[in-house]
Protein backbone atom coordinates (compact mmCIF):
# COMPACT_ATOMS: atom_id res chain seq x y z
CA MET A 1 -35.41 31.33 18.66
CA LYS A 2 -34.54 28.45 20.98
CA THR A 3 -34.47 28.09 24.75
CA LEU A 4 -31.28 26.38 25.93
CA ASN A 5 -30.52 24.91 29.32
CA PHE A 6 -26.80 24.97 29.96
CA SER A 7 -24.31 23.77 32.55
CA PHE A 8 -20.56 23.92 32.68
CA SER A 9 -18.12 22.73 35.33
CA THR A 10 -14.37 22.86 35.77
CA LYS A 11 -12.28 21.15 38.43
CA LEU A 12 -8.70 22.33 38.88
CA THR A 13 -6.57 20.06 41.09
CA PHE A 14 -3.03 21.04 42.10
CA ASP A 15 -0.38 18.47 43.05
CA ASP A 16 0.60 20.49 46.14
CA TYR A 17 -0.88 23.24 48.26
CA VAL A 18 -1.09 26.77 46.84
CA HIS A 19 -2.00 30.05 48.51
CA ASP A 20 -2.54 33.74 47.73
CA HIS A 21 -4.38 32.64 44.62
CA SER A 22 -5.84 35.44 42.48
CA PHE A 23 -8.07 34.30 39.64
CA ALA A 24 -10.36 35.67 36.93
CA LEU A 25 -13.12 33.54 35.39
CA ARG A 26 -14.84 34.25 32.09
CA ILE A 27 -17.64 31.78 32.53
CA ILE A 28 -20.93 33.71 32.85
CA PRO A 29 -22.49 34.09 29.37
CA PRO A 30 -23.12 37.70 28.33
CA ASP A 31 -26.44 39.22 27.34
CA THR A 32 -26.24 40.20 23.67
CA GLU A 33 -28.63 40.97 20.84
CA SER A 34 -28.66 37.29 19.87
CA GLN A 35 -28.81 35.69 23.32
CA LYS A 36 -30.67 36.64 26.46
CA ILE A 37 -29.65 35.02 29.74
CA ILE A 38 -32.83 34.13 31.64
CA SER A 39 -31.02 32.72 34.65
CA CYS A 40 -27.47 31.79 35.61
CA SER A 41 -25.99 30.63 38.91
CA LEU A 42 -22.28 30.39 39.66
CA ASN A 43 -20.77 28.19 42.39
CA ILE A 44 -17.11 28.32 43.41
CA SER A 45 -15.24 26.08 45.85
CA PRO A 46 -13.43 26.82 48.11
CA SER A 47 -15.92 29.47 49.11
CA VAL A 48 -14.61 32.94 48.27
CA ILE A 49 -15.85 36.52 47.93
CA THR A 50 -15.86 37.59 44.29
CA LYS A 51 -16.27 40.77 42.28
CA GLN A 52 -18.11 41.00 38.96
CA THR A 53 -16.74 43.20 36.18
CA VAL A 54 -16.96 43.44 32.39
CA ASP A 55 -13.84 43.53 30.23
CA ALA A 56 -13.16 45.58 27.09
CA PHE A 57 -14.67 42.89 24.86
CA GLY A 58 -17.97 42.73 26.74
CA ASN A 59 -17.17 39.52 28.63
CA ASN A 60 -18.37 38.97 32.19
CA VAL A 61 -15.38 38.54 34.52
CA THR A 62 -15.59 37.03 38.00
CA ALA A 63 -12.50 37.94 40.03
CA GLY A 64 -11.56 36.31 43.33
CA TYR A 65 -8.72 35.83 45.79
CA ILE A 66 -8.02 32.85 48.07
CA HIS A 67 -5.43 33.58 50.74
CA ARG A 68 -5.43 30.23 52.58
CA ASP A 69 -3.79 26.97 51.51
CA HIS A 70 -5.83 24.88 49.08
CA ARG A 71 -5.27 22.16 46.50
CA PHE A 72 -8.24 22.67 44.21
CA LEU A 73 -10.50 25.26 42.61
CA ASP A 74 -13.88 24.07 41.38
CA PHE A 75 -16.46 26.23 39.65
CA ASP A 76 -19.66 25.60 37.74
CA ILE A 77 -22.57 27.44 36.17
CA LYS A 78 -26.14 26.40 35.45
CA GLY A 79 -28.75 28.44 33.67
CA THR A 80 -31.18 29.07 30.86
CA ALA A 81 -30.83 31.28 27.79
CA GLU A 82 -32.93 32.30 24.82
CA VAL A 83 -30.86 32.25 21.62
CA ASP A 84 -31.93 33.83 18.33
CA SER A 85 -29.15 33.73 15.74
CA SER A 86 -31.26 35.80 13.33
CA LYS A 87 -30.55 38.82 15.55
CA HIS A 88 -27.12 40.31 15.17
CA ASN A 89 -24.55 42.25 17.14
CA ILE A 90 -23.68 45.47 15.32
CA PHE A 91 -20.76 46.93 17.30
CA LEU A 92 -17.35 46.66 15.59
CA MET A 93 -14.05 47.14 17.43
CA PRO A 94 -11.20 48.03 15.01
CA CYS A 95 -8.81 45.61 16.76
CA TYR A 96 -10.61 42.66 15.13
CA LEU A 97 -9.15 43.63 11.77
CA TYR A 98 -5.55 43.17 12.94
CA GLN A 99 -3.65 39.97 13.64
CA SER A 100 -3.22 39.06 17.30
CA GLU A 101 -0.88 36.81 19.28
CA TYR A 102 -2.41 33.49 18.19
CA THR A 103 -3.30 34.45 14.61
CA VAL A 104 -0.12 36.08 13.26
CA PRO A 105 0.67 34.19 10.02
CA ASP A 106 4.11 32.86 9.16
CA GLU A 107 5.45 32.68 5.62
CA GLU A 108 3.75 29.34 4.95
CA LEU A 109 0.32 30.61 5.98
CA LYS A 110 0.85 33.86 4.06
CA GLY A 111 1.79 31.86 0.99
CA PHE A 112 -1.30 29.68 1.38
CA TYR A 113 -3.53 32.76 1.46
CA SER A 114 -1.75 34.20 -1.60
CA GLU A 115 -2.64 31.05 -3.54
CA LEU A 116 -6.29 31.39 -2.54
CA LYS A 117 -6.96 35.11 -2.73
CA ASP A 118 -7.81 35.25 -6.46
CA ASN A 119 -10.63 32.76 -5.85
CA CYS A 120 -11.71 34.39 -2.59
CA THR A 121 -14.28 36.78 -4.04
CA GLY A 122 -17.75 38.10 -3.39
CA LYS A 123 -19.26 39.37 -0.16
CA PRO A 124 -17.59 38.67 3.21
CA ALA A 125 -20.05 35.81 3.78
CA ASP A 126 -19.04 34.17 0.48
CA ARG A 127 -15.36 34.52 1.30
CA ALA A 128 -15.77 33.18 4.85
CA VAL A 129 -17.64 30.10 3.58
CA TYR A 130 -15.03 29.56 0.85
CA LEU A 131 -12.14 29.67 3.33
CA SER A 132 -13.95 27.41 5.80
CA ASP A 133 -14.58 24.87 3.03
CA ILE A 134 -10.89 24.87 2.13
CA LEU A 135 -9.84 24.34 5.75
CA SER A 136 -12.37 21.53 6.18
CA ASP A 137 -10.69 19.61 3.35
CA LEU A 138 -7.14 20.44 4.40
CA ILE A 139 -7.03 20.30 8.22
CA GLU A 140 -7.68 17.09 10.15
CA TYR A 141 -9.69 17.36 13.34
CA LYS A 142 -7.40 15.55 15.76
CA LYS A 143 -7.11 15.75 19.52
CA GLY A 144 -3.83 15.63 21.39
CA VAL A 145 -1.57 17.17 18.75
CA THR A 146 -2.02 20.80 19.83
CA THR A 147 -2.41 22.65 23.13
CA THR A 148 -4.02 25.88 24.24
CA ALA A 149 -0.68 27.57 23.45
CA THR A 150 -0.63 26.46 19.79
CA THR A 151 -0.82 29.29 17.26
CA ALA A 152 -2.59 29.35 13.91
CA ALA A 153 0.73 29.05 12.07
CA GLU A 154 1.82 26.04 14.16
CA ALA A 155 -1.50 24.21 13.71
CA PHE A 156 -1.52 24.95 10.00
CA ALA A 157 1.98 23.50 9.66
CA MET A 158 0.73 20.25 11.25
CA ARG A 159 -2.47 20.28 9.16
CA ALA A 160 -4.26 19.09 12.31
CA GLY A 161 -5.88 20.37 15.47
CA VAL A 162 -9.13 20.95 17.31
CA CYS A 163 -11.79 23.65 17.24
CA GLN A 164 -9.48 26.30 18.72
CA ASP A 165 -6.96 25.71 15.95
CA PHE A 166 -9.56 25.78 13.16
CA SER A 167 -10.82 29.08 14.57
CA HIS A 168 -7.37 30.67 14.80
CA ILE A 169 -6.46 29.65 11.25
CA LEU A 170 -9.73 30.94 9.80
CA ILE A 171 -9.43 34.21 11.73
CA SER A 172 -5.88 34.66 10.41
CA LEU A 173 -7.04 34.10 6.82
CA LEU A 174 -10.06 36.40 7.16
CA ARG A 175 -7.94 39.22 8.58
CA MET A 176 -5.44 38.79 5.75
CA ASP A 177 -8.42 39.14 3.43
CA GLY A 178 -9.40 42.42 5.08
CA ILE A 179 -12.39 41.00 6.98
CA PRO A 180 -12.60 41.74 10.73
CA ALA A 181 -12.96 38.46 12.64
CA ARG A 182 -13.19 37.46 16.28
CA TYR A 183 -12.80 34.31 18.36
CA ILE A 184 -15.83 32.97 20.22
CA ALA A 185 -15.67 30.53 23.14
CA GLY A 186 -18.86 28.85 24.23
CA LEU A 187 -21.03 25.78 24.34
CA ALA A 188 -22.53 23.81 21.48
CA PHE A 189 -23.98 20.36 20.89
CA CYS A 190 -20.55 18.76 20.74
CA ASP A 191 -18.76 16.28 22.99
CA GLY A 192 -19.21 17.60 26.51
CA GLU A 193 -16.45 20.19 26.30
CA THR A 194 -16.27 23.86 25.53
CA HIS A 195 -16.27 24.79 21.86
CA SER A 196 -14.92 27.65 19.79
CA TRP A 197 -16.00 29.21 16.53
CA VAL A 198 -15.59 32.43 14.54
CA GLU A 199 -17.64 35.54 13.92
CA TYR A 200 -16.81 37.68 10.87
CA TRP A 201 -17.97 41.20 10.05
CA THR A 202 -20.34 41.29 7.07
CA GLY A 203 -20.13 45.05 6.67
CA ASP A 204 -22.97 45.86 9.05
CA HIS A 205 -23.15 43.01 11.61
CA TRP A 206 -21.37 39.95 13.03
CA GLU A 207 -22.14 36.52 11.56
CA GLY A 208 -21.07 33.20 13.04
CA ILE A 209 -19.35 30.29 11.31
CA ASP A 210 -18.02 27.07 12.86
CA PRO A 211 -14.92 26.03 10.87
CA ALA A 212 -14.30 22.84 12.88
CA ASN A 213 -17.70 21.56 11.73
CA ASN A 214 -17.77 23.69 8.56
CA CYS A 215 -21.26 25.03 9.16
CA PRO A 216 -23.03 28.29 10.00
CA VAL A 217 -23.71 29.06 13.65
CA ASN A 218 -27.36 28.68 14.63
CA ASP A 219 -29.52 28.69 17.76
CA ASP A 220 -27.67 25.63 19.11
CA TYR A 221 -24.64 27.73 20.11
CA LEU A 222 -24.22 29.66 23.35
CA VAL A 223 -21.53 32.36 23.62
CA ILE A 224 -19.53 32.47 26.85
CA SER A 225 -16.81 34.91 25.80
CA MET A 226 -15.39 36.68 22.76
CA GLY A 227 -12.14 38.38 21.82
CA ARG A 228 -9.25 38.63 19.38
CA ASP A 229 -8.14 35.03 20.03
CA PHE A 230 -8.05 32.36 22.73
CA ARG A 231 -6.07 34.51 25.16
CA ASP A 232 -8.91 37.03 25.46
CA CYS A 233 -11.44 34.24 26.04
CA ALA A 234 -9.69 31.85 28.42
CA ILE A 235 -12.24 30.49 30.89
CA ASP A 236 -9.89 30.75 33.87
CA ARG A 237 -6.65 32.62 34.43
CA GLY A 238 -4.80 33.13 37.66
CA VAL A 239 -1.59 33.50 39.61
CA MET A 240 -0.72 31.80 42.91
CA PHE A 241 2.13 30.88 45.24
CA GLY A 242 3.14 27.37 46.25
CA ARG A 243 5.28 24.35 45.45
CA TYR A 244 2.95 22.79 42.91
CA THR A 245 4.43 21.71 39.59
CA GLN A 246 1.29 20.96 37.61
CA GLN A 247 -2.48 21.11 37.68
CA LEU A 248 -5.10 18.68 36.42
CA GLN A 249 -8.16 20.18 34.76
CA LEU A 250 -11.45 18.32 34.31
CA VAL A 251 -14.11 20.06 32.22
CA ARG A 252 -17.67 19.04 31.46
CA SER A 253 -20.48 20.93 29.74
CA VAL A 254 -24.09 20.12 28.88
CA LEU A 255 -26.37 22.03 26.51
CA THR A 256 -29.97 20.91 26.02
């Protein structure tokens, strides 16, 4: 078990005023069997009344509405958690066995799995490690070539991407192999940004693997949200009115 101090901040800046802005944040880490949140404070600017709910995947959702004109939305969390990766979550949702929006394979990715499946044997843990090893050799970790809208098939075709892309590709392969898998968004000892990894179903519990770093998940990882793919785990989503054409997002995280 390890005690982690965490902080995460996001600054959204719009190039013109917006109003009637409804938003939903998935930023408060959940209490699970493997992590206990000792403390967590959330600050949002502009100041706004919010409502706390929990979605179907067990993620904490902070919903808010800003009626007045504004050109930014800033939010941050700070807190402490106790993480014990030897304890496991044991609730399986059937949806994790089926491909989702970001993980649907194209013919190239299906063909790649077909070439591997005869060697993908043993327990789910053995197969997950095998597939992660293959991806580590094949896919280049490279920033700037993909976006948050890039699918597993698109990243695989480029043979490059970041942690989100590694996770989507591995999830796609695991589901083709009959292993339920889910996308995890959170914090790790990386480069000051959010991170993503994968949890696969062993047959009786969830186990974490980080395909971007090709390693098992340990007590140095803090879960913020989980779901079928990135769409279920997006830190912030919202709709608004205004003349803005783009937004600038600055993200910073610290885990100690």
